[in-house]
Amino acid sequence: MKALLRWLLLVVIAGLAVQLYFVGRIALMALVDPQSTAFQRSEIYRLATEKGSLKWRQQWVPYAELSDNLKRAVIVSEDATFVEHEGVDLEALEKAWEKNTQAEQRAEKAASRLGSKAAPAGSGKPAAKPPKIVGGSTITQQLAKNLFLSGERTLMRKGQELVLTLMLEALLSKQRILEIYLNNVEWGEGVFGAEAAAQHYFRKPAARLSAYEAARLAVMLPRPKYFETRPGSGYLASRASTIAARMGGVELP
């Protein structure tokens, strides 16, 4: 019994040490710009091992030099209540849960219909499409995940994401959170941050993005590699127009 208690105590101490490490890292970010994120490092490794390439575009730009159009567009697209919530938007999570449940039910029905008309393997008949999963994560949650965590989806990782989200909100201002997010988020294969994205897609600095250009970049965020290869996407253009029309009422941190 004593050995078990000793082991549990060591686990608790190790867990607290990890959290204190994260607290220190985040507190330092109030003064020092992070050089890279866990997600970026994993992408560097993937590009190097799968494609033999180290293609990498990123340039840090201070908050004041980032286009207000881009700040507003990203908030409209990714987290409409960014300046109001304390890290987690419960209403957005609830809506995402409902949409994902409905999508899964539709996918199951489609799979069932196809199953009842099963064709021999290699017949060329399409399989049921997997359900489209909606996120519901706030900008702060996305930043917490990108900065520190792996891409695996487990209950423990999600719990750590929530803890990191609360740490970010407690130790950094909303302005700093948005600044770090915009300078590190992925906007294409090997394209990270607003400056690299603005130069890559529009050949101009992030400070000079128009409302529509900023809206197009914001629409890309959930699937940047996908939209990078589909610049003529009708959805991209239509959604960007919708976001641009909503940007006027956005409050910036």
Protein backbone atom coordinates (compact mmCIF):
# COMPACT_ATOMS: atom_id res chain seq x y z
CA MET A 1 0.00 0.00 0.00
CA LYS A 2 2.84 2.39 0.88
CA ALA A 3 4.48 1.71 -2.48
CA LEU A 4 1.23 2.52 -4.27
CA LEU A 5 0.77 5.77 -2.33
CA ARG A 6 4.37 6.73 -3.04
CA TRP A 7 3.83 6.07 -6.74
CA LEU A 8 0.62 8.15 -6.78
CA LEU A 9 2.41 10.99 -4.98
CA LEU A 10 5.17 10.95 -7.59
CA VAL A 11 2.58 11.08 -10.37
CA VAL A 12 0.89 14.09 -8.74
CA ILE A 13 4.21 15.88 -8.24
CA ALA A 14 5.19 15.21 -11.86
CA GLY A 15 1.83 16.53 -13.05
CA LEU A 16 2.20 19.71 -10.99
CA ALA A 17 5.75 20.18 -12.28
CA VAL A 18 4.49 20.00 -15.87
CA GLN A 19 1.80 22.59 -15.16
CA LEU A 20 4.34 24.90 -13.49
CA TYR A 21 6.53 24.53 -16.58
CA PHE A 22 3.62 25.63 -18.76
CA VAL A 23 2.90 28.57 -16.43
CA GLY A 24 6.51 29.70 -16.76
CA ARG A 25 6.49 29.37 -20.55
CA ILE A 26 3.25 31.33 -20.90
CA ALA A 27 4.32 34.04 -18.44
CA LEU A 28 7.50 34.53 -20.48
CA MET A 29 5.39 35.01 -23.61
CA ALA A 30 4.06 38.25 -22.14
CA LEU A 31 7.52 39.69 -22.90
CA VAL A 32 9.20 37.34 -25.40
CA ASP A 33 7.80 36.27 -28.77
CA PRO A 34 7.67 32.45 -29.08
CA GLN A 35 10.13 31.22 -31.71
CA SER A 36 8.03 28.23 -32.77
CA THR A 37 5.06 26.10 -31.74
CA ALA A 38 4.65 22.37 -31.21
CA PHE A 39 2.52 22.23 -34.35
CA GLN A 40 5.13 24.05 -36.43
CA ARG A 41 7.88 21.71 -35.24
CA SER A 42 5.79 18.69 -36.16
CA GLU A 43 5.18 20.19 -39.61
CA ILE A 44 8.91 20.80 -40.11
CA TYR A 45 9.53 17.14 -39.30
CA ARG A 46 6.75 15.99 -41.65
CA LEU A 47 8.00 18.12 -44.54
CA ALA A 48 11.57 16.95 -44.00
CA THR A 49 10.71 13.24 -43.78
CA GLU A 50 7.88 12.98 -46.31
CA LYS A 51 8.96 15.50 -48.93
CA GLY A 52 12.63 16.09 -48.20
CA SER A 53 11.83 19.80 -47.99
CA LEU A 54 12.32 22.46 -45.35
CA LYS A 55 10.13 25.06 -47.08
CA TRP A 56 9.25 27.51 -44.37
CA ARG A 57 7.80 31.01 -44.44
CA GLN A 58 7.29 33.04 -41.27
CA GLN A 59 8.04 36.58 -40.13
CA TRP A 60 6.90 38.06 -36.82
CA VAL A 61 4.95 41.32 -37.09
CA PRO A 62 3.98 43.36 -33.99
CA TYR A 63 0.28 43.70 -33.21
CA ALA A 64 0.14 47.38 -34.22
CA GLU A 65 1.52 46.53 -37.68
CA LEU A 66 -1.04 43.81 -38.41
CA SER A 67 -4.02 44.91 -40.47
CA ASP A 68 -7.11 45.62 -38.37
CA ASN A 69 -9.01 44.07 -41.28
CA LEU A 70 -7.28 40.76 -40.62
CA LYS A 71 -7.87 40.94 -36.86
CA ARG A 72 -11.58 41.56 -37.42
CA ALA A 73 -11.90 38.92 -40.13
CA VAL A 74 -10.29 36.21 -38.00
CA ILE A 75 -12.47 37.07 -35.01
CA VAL A 76 -15.63 36.96 -37.16
CA SER A 77 -14.62 33.65 -38.74
CA GLU A 78 -13.07 31.82 -35.81
CA ASP A 79 -14.33 33.27 -32.52
CA ALA A 80 -17.05 35.94 -32.57
CA THR A 81 -17.03 36.38 -28.77
CA PHE A 82 -13.24 36.49 -28.43
CA VAL A 83 -13.11 39.75 -26.46
CA GLU A 84 -15.91 38.64 -24.13
CA HIS A 85 -15.24 35.04 -23.08
CA GLU A 86 -12.58 33.82 -20.66
CA GLY A 87 -11.08 31.22 -22.96
CA VAL A 88 -13.95 28.83 -23.64
CA ASP A 89 -17.21 29.60 -25.44
CA LEU A 90 -19.65 27.06 -24.04
CA GLU A 91 -22.43 28.10 -26.41
CA ALA A 92 -20.18 27.56 -29.45
CA LEU A 93 -19.12 24.15 -28.12
CA GLU A 94 -22.75 23.16 -27.61
CA LYS A 95 -23.66 24.21 -31.17
CA ALA A 96 -20.65 22.33 -32.55
CA TRP A 97 -21.66 19.22 -30.61
CA GLU A 98 -25.20 19.39 -32.04
CA LYS A 99 -23.93 19.88 -35.60
CA ASN A 100 -21.45 17.02 -35.28
CA THR A 101 -24.13 14.71 -33.88
CA GLN A 102 -26.45 15.55 -36.77
CA ALA A 103 -23.62 15.06 -39.28
CA GLU A 104 -22.77 11.65 -37.81
CA GLN A 105 -26.42 10.60 -37.97
CA ARG A 106 -26.64 11.63 -41.64
CA ALA A 107 -23.42 9.76 -42.38
CA GLU A 108 -24.75 6.62 -40.67
CA LYS A 109 -27.97 6.78 -42.70
CA ALA A 110 -25.99 7.25 -45.93
CA ALA A 111 -23.74 4.32 -45.05
CA SER A 112 -26.80 2.21 -44.27
CA ARG A 113 -28.38 3.03 -47.63
CA LEU A 114 -25.18 2.17 -49.46
CA GLY A 115 -24.85 -1.00 -47.43
CA SER A 116 -28.30 -2.15 -48.48
CA LYS A 117 -27.19 -1.69 -52.09
CA ALA A 118 -23.76 -3.17 -51.54
CA ALA A 119 -21.74 -3.66 -54.69
CA PRO A 120 -18.80 -6.00 -55.23
CA ALA A 121 -15.38 -4.63 -54.37
CA GLY A 122 -13.85 -2.70 -57.25
CA SER A 123 -17.21 -1.89 -58.77
CA GLY A 124 -16.39 1.82 -58.69
CA LYS A 125 -19.47 2.79 -56.66
CA PRO A 126 -18.72 5.62 -54.17
CA ALA A 127 -18.50 4.93 -50.47
CA ALA A 128 -20.38 7.03 -47.94
CA LYS A 129 -18.63 10.33 -47.17
CA PRO A 130 -17.31 10.73 -43.62
CA PRO A 131 -19.17 13.36 -41.57
CA LYS A 132 -17.84 16.93 -41.61
CA ILE A 133 -16.69 17.71 -38.06
CA VAL A 134 -17.20 21.26 -36.72
CA GLY A 135 -14.72 22.54 -34.13
CA GLY A 136 -16.18 25.16 -31.79
CA SER A 137 -12.79 25.95 -30.24
CA THR A 138 -11.97 29.56 -29.39
CA ILE A 139 -8.89 31.39 -30.66
CA THR A 140 -7.32 30.89 -27.23
CA GLN A 141 -7.99 27.14 -27.31
CA GLN A 142 -6.51 26.88 -30.80
CA LEU A 143 -3.43 28.77 -29.64
CA ALA A 144 -3.03 26.53 -26.57
CA LYS A 145 -3.16 23.43 -28.77
CA ASN A 146 -0.79 24.78 -31.41
CA LEU A 147 1.76 26.10 -28.91
CA PHE A 148 2.17 23.05 -26.72
CA LEU A 149 0.22 19.94 -27.72
CA SER A 150 0.28 17.10 -30.21
CA GLY A 151 -2.48 16.47 -32.74
CA GLU A 152 -3.83 13.37 -30.99
CA ARG A 153 -7.46 13.44 -29.85
CA THR A 154 -7.74 12.00 -26.35
CA LEU A 155 -9.65 13.04 -23.26
CA MET A 156 -6.39 13.75 -21.42
CA ARG A 157 -5.09 15.97 -24.22
CA LYS A 158 -8.39 17.88 -24.33
CA GLY A 159 -8.22 18.36 -20.57
CA GLN A 160 -4.69 19.74 -20.84
CA GLU A 161 -5.84 22.04 -23.64
CA LEU A 162 -8.50 23.53 -21.35
CA VAL A 163 -5.98 24.04 -18.54
CA LEU A 164 -3.56 25.76 -20.94
CA THR A 165 -6.41 27.91 -22.27
CA LEU A 166 -7.19 29.18 -18.78
CA MET A 167 -3.48 29.85 -18.18
CA LEU A 168 -3.22 31.88 -21.39
CA GLU A 169 -6.26 33.96 -20.48
CA ALA A 170 -4.99 34.54 -16.93
CA LEU A 171 -1.41 35.49 -17.84
CA LEU A 172 -1.73 37.24 -21.20
CA SER A 173 -3.93 40.05 -22.49
CA LYS A 174 -6.44 39.43 -25.26
CA GLN A 175 -4.30 41.61 -27.52
CA ARG A 176 -1.21 39.49 -26.85
CA ILE A 177 -3.13 36.24 -27.39
CA LEU A 178 -4.38 37.47 -30.76
CA GLU A 179 -0.90 38.75 -31.70
CA ILE A 180 0.75 35.39 -30.97
CA TYR A 181 -2.06 33.51 -32.76
CA LEU A 182 -1.87 35.60 -35.93
CA ASN A 183 1.91 35.31 -36.09
CA ASN A 184 1.97 31.52 -35.74
CA VAL A 185 -1.20 30.04 -37.22
CA GLU A 186 -0.86 27.89 -40.36
CA TRP A 187 -1.95 29.41 -43.69
CA GLY A 188 -0.67 26.80 -46.12
CA GLU A 189 2.03 24.18 -46.42
CA GLY A 190 5.04 25.70 -44.69
CA VAL A 191 3.28 29.09 -44.48
CA PHE A 192 2.90 30.38 -40.93
CA GLY A 193 1.74 33.73 -39.66
CA ALA A 194 -0.05 36.70 -41.17
CA GLU A 195 2.99 38.29 -42.83
CA ALA A 196 4.00 35.11 -44.65
CA ALA A 197 0.38 34.52 -45.71
CA ALA A 198 -0.08 38.07 -47.01
CA GLN A 199 3.14 37.86 -49.02
CA HIS A 200 2.39 34.33 -50.27
CA TYR A 201 -1.16 34.98 -51.48
CA PHE A 202 -1.28 38.72 -52.22
CA ARG A 203 2.36 39.83 -52.54
CA LYS A 204 1.93 42.58 -49.96
CA PRO A 205 2.64 43.09 -46.23
CA ALA A 206 0.07 42.07 -43.63
CA ALA A 207 -0.38 45.72 -42.69
CA ARG A 208 -1.93 46.50 -46.08
CA LEU A 209 -4.50 43.72 -46.43
CA SER A 210 -7.90 44.89 -47.66
CA ALA A 211 -11.11 43.76 -46.00
CA TYR A 212 -11.82 41.14 -48.67
CA GLU A 213 -8.22 39.85 -48.73
CA ALA A 214 -8.27 39.52 -44.95
CA ALA A 215 -11.61 37.72 -45.11
CA ARG A 216 -10.24 35.20 -47.66
CA LEU A 217 -7.32 34.43 -45.35
CA ALA A 218 -9.71 34.00 -42.41
CA VAL A 219 -11.86 31.53 -44.35
CA MET A 220 -8.77 29.43 -45.07
CA LEU A 221 -7.87 28.85 -41.42
CA PRO A 222 -9.76 25.62 -40.72
CA ARG A 223 -8.29 23.96 -43.87
CA PRO A 224 -5.35 26.05 -45.10
CA LYS A 225 -3.61 23.34 -47.14
CA TYR A 226 -6.90 22.45 -48.87
CA PHE A 227 -7.74 26.04 -49.87
CA GLU A 228 -4.14 26.80 -50.85
CA THR A 229 -4.57 24.39 -53.77
CA ARG A 230 -8.07 25.70 -54.63
CA PRO A 231 -7.77 29.49 -54.97
CA GLY A 232 -10.79 29.58 -57.28
CA SER A 233 -13.09 27.88 -54.78
CA GLY A 234 -16.63 29.25 -54.96
CA TYR A 235 -17.12 28.56 -51.25
CA LEU A 236 -13.97 30.54 -50.41
CA ALA A 237 -15.16 33.58 -52.37
CA SER A 238 -18.73 33.43 -51.07
CA ARG A 239 -17.77 32.92 -47.43
CA ALA A 240 -15.14 35.69 -47.66
CA SER A 241 -17.78 38.12 -48.87
CA THR A 242 -20.02 37.19 -45.94
CA ILE A 243 -17.23 37.70 -43.41
CA ALA A 244 -16.17 41.01 -44.98
CA ALA A 245 -19.74 42.28 -44.61
CA ARG A 246 -19.76 41.42 -40.89
CA MET A 247 -16.40 42.90 -39.95
CA GLY A 248 -17.64 46.42 -39.26
CA GLY A 249 -19.25 45.54 -35.96
CA VAL A 250 -16.27 43.67 -34.48
CA GLU A 251 -14.66 45.01 -31.32
CA LEU A 252 -10.88 44.65 -31.28
CA PRO A 253 -8.86 43.99 -28.11
